[in-house]
Amino acid sequence: MAGEPDNVVLMPLREIRAAQDAHGRRLEHIETRIGEMHDSMVTGLGLAAHANVRHDSVEKRLTDPAKRVERLEKKK
């Protein structure tokens, strides 16, 4: 009977610790996945922004010669 009070307290504590360990591992996995998604989103947005700037640059270069041709045709 002397060992019984210890078991009554220790067993639930061990179960709680095991549950916390499992939750901790799961949380670490979730944090890793969120970090990976964050990196992917930043990369994707960066590429999209770069493509948008590049598109604007190309569009401007194509528009300028078109305007020049129009002005030259008007002078004829």
Protein backbone atom coordinates (compact mmCIF):
# COMPACT_ATOMS: atom_id res chain seq x y z
CA MET A 1 0.00 0.00 0.00
CA ALA A 2 2.92 2.34 0.53
CA GLY A 3 3.66 2.46 -3.21
CA GLU A 4 0.06 3.05 -4.22
CA PRO A 5 -0.14 6.87 -3.68
CA ASP A 6 2.93 7.31 -5.87
CA ASN A 7 1.30 5.34 -8.66
CA VAL A 8 -1.91 7.32 -8.38
CA VAL A 9 0.07 10.53 -8.97
CA LEU A 10 2.90 9.31 -11.19
CA MET A 11 0.81 7.43 -13.74
CA PRO A 12 -1.34 10.44 -14.74
CA LEU A 13 1.77 12.64 -14.77
CA ARG A 14 3.52 10.21 -17.11
CA GLU A 15 0.46 10.15 -19.37
CA ILE A 16 0.37 13.94 -19.41
CA ARG A 17 4.09 14.08 -20.24
CA ALA A 18 3.64 11.57 -23.08
CA ALA A 19 0.76 13.62 -24.49
CA GLN A 20 2.82 16.82 -24.25
CA ASP A 21 5.73 15.15 -26.03
CA ALA A 22 3.43 14.02 -28.83
CA HIS A 23 1.91 17.50 -29.11
CA GLY A 24 5.37 19.06 -29.09
CA ARG A 25 6.52 16.87 -31.99
CA ARG A 26 3.35 17.67 -33.91
CA LEU A 27 3.78 21.40 -33.27
CA GLU A 28 7.38 21.28 -34.51
CA HIS A 29 6.17 19.53 -37.68
CA ILE A 30 3.46 22.15 -38.19
CA GLU A 31 5.94 25.01 -37.63
CA THR A 32 8.30 23.47 -40.19
CA ARG A 33 5.51 23.18 -42.75
CA ILE A 34 4.38 26.76 -42.16
CA GLY A 35 7.98 27.94 -42.57
CA GLU A 36 8.26 26.06 -45.87
CA MET A 37 4.97 27.53 -47.09
CA HIS A 38 6.13 31.01 -46.09
CA ASP A 39 9.36 30.58 -48.05
CA SER A 40 7.44 29.29 -51.07
CA MET A 41 5.00 32.20 -50.95
CA VAL A 42 7.78 34.77 -50.68
CA THR A 43 9.58 33.17 -53.62
CA GLY A 44 6.39 33.01 -55.67
CA LEU A 45 5.44 36.59 -54.94
CA GLY A 46 8.98 37.70 -55.69
CA LEU A 47 8.91 35.96 -59.06
CA ALA A 48 5.50 37.40 -59.84
CA ALA A 49 6.64 40.90 -58.93
CA HIS A 50 9.78 40.48 -61.02
CA ALA A 51 7.70 39.24 -63.97
CA ASN A 52 5.34 42.21 -63.59
CA VAL A 53 8.22 44.71 -63.61
CA ARG A 54 9.79 42.95 -66.57
CA HIS A 55 6.46 42.99 -68.44
CA ASP A 56 6.06 46.72 -67.80
CA SER A 57 9.58 47.34 -69.06
CA VAL A 58 9.05 45.34 -72.25
CA GLU A 59 5.67 46.95 -72.82
CA LYS A 60 7.21 50.42 -72.52
CA ARG A 61 10.00 49.55 -74.95
CA LEU A 62 7.45 48.27 -77.45
CA THR A 63 5.16 51.28 -77.03
CA ASP A 64 7.91 53.88 -77.56
CA PRO A 65 8.85 52.69 -81.09
CA ALA A 66 5.18 52.41 -81.99
CA LYS A 67 4.68 56.05 -80.98
CA ARG A 68 7.75 57.06 -82.98
CA VAL A 69 6.43 55.29 -86.07
CA GLU A 70 3.06 57.04 -85.67
CA ARG A 71 4.77 60.43 -85.42
CA LEU A 72 6.86 59.69 -88.51
CA GLU A 73 3.81 58.61 -90.46
CA LYS A 74 1.99 61.80 -89.49
CA LYS A 75 4.88 63.89 -90.86
CA LYS A 76 4.55 62.32 -94.33
